[in-house]
Amino acid sequence: MEQVMKHYGNAILAVIVLLALGAILVAALTSDGYVANAFKEAVTTFFSKMNALG
């Protein structure tokens, strides 16, 4: 186990942090609050502007 942690410890930690950030993002977006509406508006604006360029 010690060798596994020495070899893969940083990768395991990175995966755990990314999963935690993903869970926080999903929790913030599932509630129809300010964060969800702002994120949806930002994504919609981004893709509308990208479509206008092409």
N, C-alpha and C. Protein backbone atom coordinates (compact mmCIF):
# COMPACT_ATOMS: atom_id res chain seq x y z
N MET A 1 0.83 -1.20 0.00
CA MET A 1 0.00 0.00 0.00
C MET A 1 0.87 1.25 0.00
N GLU A 2 1.95 1.22 0.74
CA GLU A 2 2.84 2.38 0.81
C GLU A 2 3.46 2.68 -0.55
N GLN A 3 3.82 1.64 -1.28
CA GLN A 3 4.41 1.83 -2.61
C GLN A 3 3.38 2.40 -3.58
N VAL A 4 2.15 1.93 -3.45
CA VAL A 4 1.08 2.44 -4.32
C VAL A 4 0.87 3.92 -4.06
N MET A 5 0.86 4.33 -2.80
CA MET A 5 0.65 5.73 -2.46
C MET A 5 1.83 6.59 -2.93
N LYS A 6 3.05 6.05 -2.83
CA LYS A 6 4.21 6.80 -3.30
C LYS A 6 4.13 7.03 -4.81
N HIS A 7 3.69 5.99 -5.52
CA HIS A 7 3.69 6.05 -6.97
C HIS A 7 2.49 6.81 -7.51
N TYR A 8 1.31 6.55 -6.96
CA TYR A 8 0.06 7.11 -7.49
C TYR A 8 -0.58 8.14 -6.57
N GLY A 9 0.08 8.53 -5.51
CA GLY A 9 -0.52 9.43 -4.53
C GLY A 9 -0.99 10.75 -5.11
N ASN A 10 -0.15 11.39 -5.92
CA ASN A 10 -0.52 12.68 -6.50
C ASN A 10 -1.68 12.54 -7.49
N ALA A 11 -1.66 11.48 -8.27
CA ALA A 11 -2.75 11.26 -9.23
C ALA A 11 -4.07 10.99 -8.50
N ILE A 12 -4.01 10.20 -7.45
CA ILE A 12 -5.22 9.90 -6.68
C ILE A 12 -5.76 11.18 -6.04
N LEU A 13 -4.87 11.99 -5.50
CA LEU A 13 -5.29 13.25 -4.90
C LEU A 13 -5.92 14.18 -5.93
N ALA A 14 -5.34 14.24 -7.12
CA ALA A 14 -5.89 15.08 -8.18
C ALA A 14 -7.29 14.62 -8.58
N VAL A 15 -7.49 13.32 -8.68
CA VAL A 15 -8.81 12.78 -9.03
C VAL A 15 -9.83 13.11 -7.95
N ILE A 16 -9.44 12.97 -6.71
CA ILE A 16 -10.35 13.28 -5.60
C ILE A 16 -10.74 14.75 -5.62
N VAL A 17 -9.77 15.64 -5.85
CA VAL A 17 -10.05 17.08 -5.89
C VAL A 17 -10.97 17.41 -7.07
N LEU A 18 -10.71 16.83 -8.24
CA LEU A 18 -11.56 17.10 -9.40
C LEU A 18 -12.98 16.58 -9.18
N LEU A 19 -13.11 15.41 -8.57
CA LEU A 19 -14.45 14.89 -8.27
C LEU A 19 -15.19 15.79 -7.28
N ALA A 20 -14.46 16.30 -6.28
CA ALA A 20 -15.08 17.20 -5.31
C ALA A 20 -15.53 18.50 -5.98
N LEU A 21 -14.69 19.05 -6.85
CA LEU A 21 -15.07 20.27 -7.56
C LEU A 21 -16.27 20.02 -8.48
N GLY A 22 -16.29 18.87 -9.12
CA GLY A 22 -17.43 18.52 -9.97
C GLY A 22 -18.70 18.39 -9.17
N ALA A 23 -18.61 17.79 -8.00
CA ALA A 23 -19.79 17.65 -7.14
C ALA A 23 -20.30 19.01 -6.68
N ILE A 24 -19.39 19.91 -6.35
CA ILE A 24 -19.79 21.26 -5.94
C ILE A 24 -20.46 21.99 -7.10
N LEU A 25 -19.89 21.86 -8.29
CA LEU A 25 -20.47 22.52 -9.46
C LEU A 25 -21.85 21.98 -9.77
N VAL A 26 -22.02 20.66 -9.71
CA VAL A 26 -23.33 20.05 -9.97
C VAL A 26 -24.33 20.49 -8.92
N ALA A 27 -23.93 20.54 -7.67
CA ALA A 27 -24.84 20.97 -6.60
C ALA A 27 -25.25 22.43 -6.79
N ALA A 28 -24.32 23.26 -7.24
CA ALA A 28 -24.64 24.68 -7.44
C ALA A 28 -25.56 24.87 -8.64
N LEU A 29 -25.42 24.03 -9.65
CA LEU A 29 -26.21 24.20 -10.86
C LEU A 29 -27.58 23.54 -10.79
N THR A 30 -27.75 22.54 -9.94
CA THR A 30 -29.05 21.87 -9.89
C THR A 30 -30.09 22.72 -9.20
N SER A 31 -29.69 23.54 -8.26
CA SER A 31 -30.65 24.44 -7.65
C SER A 31 -30.87 25.60 -8.62
N ASP A 32 -32.11 25.96 -8.83
CA ASP A 32 -32.41 27.04 -9.78
C ASP A 32 -32.16 28.39 -9.13
N GLY A 33 -30.98 28.58 -8.66
CA GLY A 33 -30.63 29.82 -8.00
C GLY A 33 -29.85 30.74 -8.92
N TYR A 34 -29.19 31.68 -8.32
CA TYR A 34 -28.43 32.69 -9.06
C TYR A 34 -27.29 32.07 -9.86
N VAL A 35 -26.58 31.12 -9.25
CA VAL A 35 -25.43 30.51 -9.92
C VAL A 35 -25.88 29.76 -11.16
N ALA A 36 -26.96 28.99 -11.05
CA ALA A 36 -27.44 28.21 -12.19
C ALA A 36 -27.87 29.12 -13.33
N ASN A 37 -28.61 30.16 -13.00
CA ASN A 37 -29.07 31.08 -14.04
C ASN A 37 -27.91 31.84 -14.68
N ALA A 38 -26.95 32.27 -13.91
CA ALA A 38 -25.80 32.98 -14.45
C ALA A 38 -24.97 32.06 -15.35
N PHE A 39 -24.79 30.82 -14.94
CA PHE A 39 -24.02 29.87 -15.74
C PHE A 39 -24.73 29.58 -17.05
N LYS A 40 -26.04 29.35 -17.00
CA LYS A 40 -26.81 29.08 -18.22
C LYS A 40 -26.74 30.27 -19.17
N GLU A 41 -26.85 31.47 -18.62
CA GLU A 41 -26.78 32.68 -19.44
C GLU A 41 -25.39 32.83 -20.07
N ALA A 42 -24.34 32.53 -19.32
CA ALA A 42 -22.98 32.64 -19.84
C ALA A 42 -22.75 31.64 -20.97
N VAL A 43 -23.22 30.41 -20.79
CA VAL A 43 -23.05 29.39 -21.83
C VAL A 43 -23.85 29.76 -23.08
N THR A 44 -25.07 30.22 -22.89
CA THR A 44 -25.90 30.62 -24.03
C THR A 44 -25.28 31.79 -24.79
N THR A 45 -24.78 32.77 -24.07
CA THR A 45 -24.14 33.93 -24.70
C THR A 45 -22.90 33.50 -25.46
N PHE A 46 -22.08 32.64 -24.85
CA PHE A 46 -20.86 32.17 -25.50
C PHE A 46 -21.17 31.50 -26.82
N PHE A 47 -22.11 30.55 -26.82
CA PHE A 47 -22.40 29.82 -28.04
C PHE A 47 -23.10 30.70 -29.07
N SER A 48 -23.89 31.66 -28.63
CA SER A 48 -24.52 32.58 -29.58
C SER A 48 -23.46 33.42 -30.29
N LYS A 49 -22.48 33.90 -29.54
CA LYS A 49 -21.41 34.69 -30.15
C LYS A 49 -20.53 33.84 -31.06
N MET A 50 -20.29 32.59 -30.68
CA MET A 50 -19.49 31.71 -31.53
C MET A 50 -20.21 31.41 -32.83
N ASN A 51 -21.54 31.22 -32.77
CA ASN A 51 -22.32 30.98 -33.98
C ASN A 51 -22.34 32.21 -34.88
N ALA A 52 -22.34 33.40 -34.29
CA ALA A 52 -22.34 34.64 -35.06
C ALA A 52 -21.03 34.82 -35.81
N LEU A 53 -19.93 34.28 -35.28
CA LEU A 53 -18.63 34.40 -35.96
C LEU A 53 -18.56 33.56 -37.21
N GLY A 54 -19.21 32.43 -37.18
CA GLY A 54 -19.10 31.49 -38.30
C GLY A 54 -20.10 31.76 -39.33
